[in-house]
Amino acid sequence: MMKQIKLRDIELAQQIWADRLIDVGKAFMQKTDHQSVAKKMIGELYGYQEGTVLFKPTKAREKQFRLNSASALSYFIGDNPDFSEDKGFALRPWKNVRFENAGVILKKKSAIVMGNYYFTDYNLNEMKIEYTIGYFVSAKGSLKINLHHSSFPFSGEWAPHET
């Protein structure tokens, strides 16, 4: 049982998240059961079974908030008529994901981390995305995500308010 969250716990949780996302894409490429791999990822890493999870994925505009595991699954693997814009973020597939934390707030049983993560596909194209992720210690003592917001960096296309 985790007594208090440490920075190394956050870094390990981030690496596991990256590995699981890559695993979903690999299963898809190998034409194996990528849906089960994605369901396992969500069950292992997100806290939907224990309470509220606030998830706003990067590439979601129409129904951008994913407040249950079925909607999170749709974001990662698509093929859900309730979320027609979802193409399956994990199915790109990704070769590498790395986190760069800008800051971390550590509490005894919760933490919030913010920074950039970089997704590299098999053509070596890299995509930079900003994130804020909240963690809590689950009833079983593992870290689970209860807040996950990610977005593309500001593009500079903003018009000032006209008076």
Protein backbone atom coordinates (compact mmCIF):
# COMPACT_ATOMS: atom_id res chain seq x y z
CA MET A 1 0.00 0.00 0.00
CA MET A 2 1.39 3.36 -1.07
CA LYS A 3 1.92 5.59 1.98
CA GLN A 4 2.59 8.81 0.12
CA ILE A 5 2.94 9.65 -3.58
CA LYS A 6 6.49 10.43 -4.64
CA LEU A 7 7.78 11.92 -7.89
CA ARG A 8 9.16 8.52 -8.93
CA ASP A 9 5.62 7.07 -8.58
CA ILE A 10 4.33 9.69 -11.02
CA GLU A 11 7.17 9.06 -13.47
CA LEU A 12 6.51 5.31 -13.31
CA ALA A 13 2.77 5.85 -13.88
CA GLN A 14 3.58 8.03 -16.90
CA GLN A 15 5.87 5.37 -18.36
CA ILE A 16 3.23 2.69 -17.84
CA TRP A 17 0.62 4.91 -19.55
CA ALA A 18 2.98 5.42 -22.52
CA ASP A 19 3.74 1.70 -22.72
CA ARG A 20 0.06 0.73 -22.58
CA LEU A 21 -0.87 3.23 -25.30
CA ILE A 22 1.87 1.81 -27.52
CA ASP A 23 0.65 -1.74 -26.71
CA VAL A 24 -2.83 -0.88 -28.02
CA GLY A 25 -1.36 0.29 -31.33
CA LYS A 26 0.87 -2.77 -31.60
CA ALA A 27 -2.07 -5.09 -31.03
CA PHE A 28 -3.99 -3.23 -33.75
CA MET A 29 -1.07 -3.51 -36.20
CA GLN A 30 -0.70 -7.21 -35.44
CA LYS A 31 -4.45 -7.71 -35.94
CA THR A 32 -4.87 -9.10 -32.43
CA ASP A 33 -7.51 -8.08 -29.87
CA HIS A 34 -6.60 -4.40 -29.48
CA GLN A 35 -10.00 -3.71 -27.86
CA SER A 36 -9.16 -5.92 -24.88
CA VAL A 37 -5.72 -4.31 -24.60
CA ALA A 38 -7.35 -0.85 -24.56
CA LYS A 39 -9.99 -1.90 -22.01
CA LYS A 40 -7.23 -3.26 -19.78
CA MET A 41 -5.30 0.02 -20.13
CA ILE A 42 -8.30 2.08 -19.06
CA GLY A 43 -9.14 -0.26 -16.18
CA GLU A 44 -5.56 -0.32 -14.95
CA LEU A 45 -4.75 3.37 -15.27
CA TYR A 46 -7.98 5.37 -14.92
CA GLY A 47 -10.15 5.56 -11.80
CA TYR A 48 -13.58 5.14 -13.39
CA GLN A 49 -14.33 2.16 -11.10
CA GLU A 50 -13.76 4.26 -7.98
CA GLY A 51 -15.41 7.56 -8.83
CA THR A 52 -15.37 10.53 -11.12
CA VAL A 53 -12.74 10.87 -13.84
CA LEU A 54 -12.49 14.13 -15.76
CA PHE A 55 -10.99 13.29 -19.16
CA LYS A 56 -10.74 15.82 -21.98
CA PRO A 57 -8.70 14.24 -24.79
CA THR A 58 -6.63 16.21 -27.28
CA LYS A 59 -8.49 15.37 -30.47
CA ALA A 60 -12.09 15.69 -29.28
CA ARG A 61 -14.26 18.61 -30.29
CA GLU A 62 -17.90 17.55 -30.62
CA LYS A 63 -18.20 15.47 -27.44
CA GLN A 64 -15.00 16.51 -25.78
CA PHE A 65 -15.53 15.25 -22.23
CA ARG A 66 -15.15 11.53 -21.50
CA LEU A 67 -16.72 10.92 -18.11
CA ASN A 68 -17.05 7.11 -18.30
CA SER A 69 -14.84 4.25 -19.40
CA ALA A 70 -16.85 3.55 -22.58
CA SER A 71 -16.29 7.09 -23.84
CA ALA A 72 -12.58 6.90 -22.95
CA LEU A 73 -12.32 3.60 -24.82
CA SER A 74 -13.92 5.24 -27.84
CA TYR A 75 -11.27 7.95 -27.87
CA PHE A 76 -8.43 5.44 -27.84
CA ILE A 77 -9.80 2.92 -30.37
CA GLY A 78 -12.75 4.59 -32.13
CA ASP A 79 -15.56 2.56 -33.68
CA ASN A 80 -18.30 3.99 -31.45
CA PRO A 81 -21.31 5.59 -33.17
CA ASP A 82 -21.93 7.77 -30.10
CA PHE A 83 -18.54 9.42 -30.71
CA SER A 84 -18.35 9.59 -34.49
CA GLU A 85 -15.30 11.89 -34.53
CA ASP A 86 -13.15 9.30 -32.72
CA LYS A 87 -10.71 7.63 -35.06
CA GLY A 88 -8.72 5.82 -32.39
CA PHE A 89 -5.86 7.90 -31.02
CA ALA A 90 -3.95 4.78 -29.94
CA LEU A 91 -4.30 3.19 -33.38
CA ARG A 92 -2.03 5.66 -35.18
CA PRO A 93 0.08 3.69 -33.92
CA TRP A 94 2.75 5.27 -31.73
CA LYS A 95 6.34 4.07 -31.52
CA ASN A 96 7.32 6.22 -28.55
CA VAL A 97 5.74 8.53 -25.99
CA ARG A 98 7.81 10.66 -23.65
CA PHE A 99 6.72 12.99 -20.88
CA GLU A 100 8.38 16.27 -19.88
CA ASN A 101 6.91 17.47 -16.60
CA ALA A 102 6.82 21.25 -16.16
CA GLY A 103 5.57 20.99 -12.59
CA VAL A 104 4.19 18.56 -10.05
CA ILE A 105 2.01 19.08 -6.98
CA LEU A 106 2.40 16.16 -4.59
CA LYS A 107 -0.01 15.53 -1.75
CA LYS A 108 -0.14 12.45 0.44
CA LYS A 109 -2.81 10.59 -1.56
CA SER A 110 -3.13 12.75 -4.70
CA ALA A 111 -0.97 14.56 -7.21
CA ILE A 112 -1.31 16.85 -10.20
CA VAL A 113 1.28 17.06 -12.94
CA MET A 114 1.48 19.35 -15.96
CA GLY A 115 3.79 19.49 -18.94
CA ASN A 116 4.26 18.33 -22.51
CA TYR A 117 4.23 14.87 -23.90
CA TYR A 118 5.65 13.93 -27.26
CA PHE A 119 4.18 11.19 -29.44
CA THR A 120 6.37 9.68 -32.16
CA ASP A 121 4.81 7.52 -34.86
CA TYR A 122 6.53 4.84 -36.94
CA ASN A 123 7.40 7.41 -39.63
CA LEU A 124 9.27 9.32 -36.91
CA ASN A 125 6.80 12.21 -36.97
CA GLU A 126 6.60 13.79 -33.54
CA MET A 127 3.54 15.51 -32.10
CA LYS A 128 3.78 17.76 -29.04
CA ILE A 129 0.74 17.88 -26.75
CA GLU A 130 0.21 19.72 -23.47
CA TYR A 131 -1.26 17.84 -20.51
CA THR A 132 -2.54 18.15 -16.98
CA ILE A 133 -3.04 14.83 -15.22
CA GLY A 134 -4.37 14.24 -11.73
CA TYR A 135 -3.67 11.05 -9.81
CA PHE A 136 -5.05 9.51 -6.65
CA VAL A 137 -4.16 6.44 -4.63
CA SER A 138 -6.79 3.79 -5.30
CA ALA A 139 -8.36 1.54 -2.67
CA LYS A 140 -5.87 -1.15 -3.73
CA GLY A 141 -2.91 1.22 -3.31
CA SER A 142 -2.06 1.91 -6.95
CA LEU A 143 -2.04 5.27 -8.73
CA LYS A 144 -5.08 5.97 -10.87
CA ILE A 145 -5.91 8.94 -13.09
CA ASN A 146 -8.91 11.06 -12.10
CA LEU A 147 -8.08 14.11 -14.24
CA HIS A 148 -6.63 14.00 -17.76
CA HIS A 149 -6.74 17.11 -19.92
CA SER A 150 -4.63 17.44 -23.02
CA SER A 151 -4.54 19.92 -25.85
CA PHE A 152 -2.42 21.11 -28.73
CA PRO A 153 -0.14 24.08 -28.00
CA PHE A 154 -1.54 27.51 -28.80
CA SER A 155 -1.29 28.18 -32.52
CA GLY A 156 -1.17 31.96 -32.34
CA GLU A 157 -4.50 32.32 -34.13
CA TRP A 158 -6.27 34.50 -31.62
CA ALA A 159 -8.09 37.73 -32.39
CA PRO A 160 -8.31 40.34 -29.63
CA HIS A 161 -11.71 41.42 -28.41
CA GLU A 162 -13.03 44.35 -30.42
CA THR A 163 -14.85 47.16 -28.61
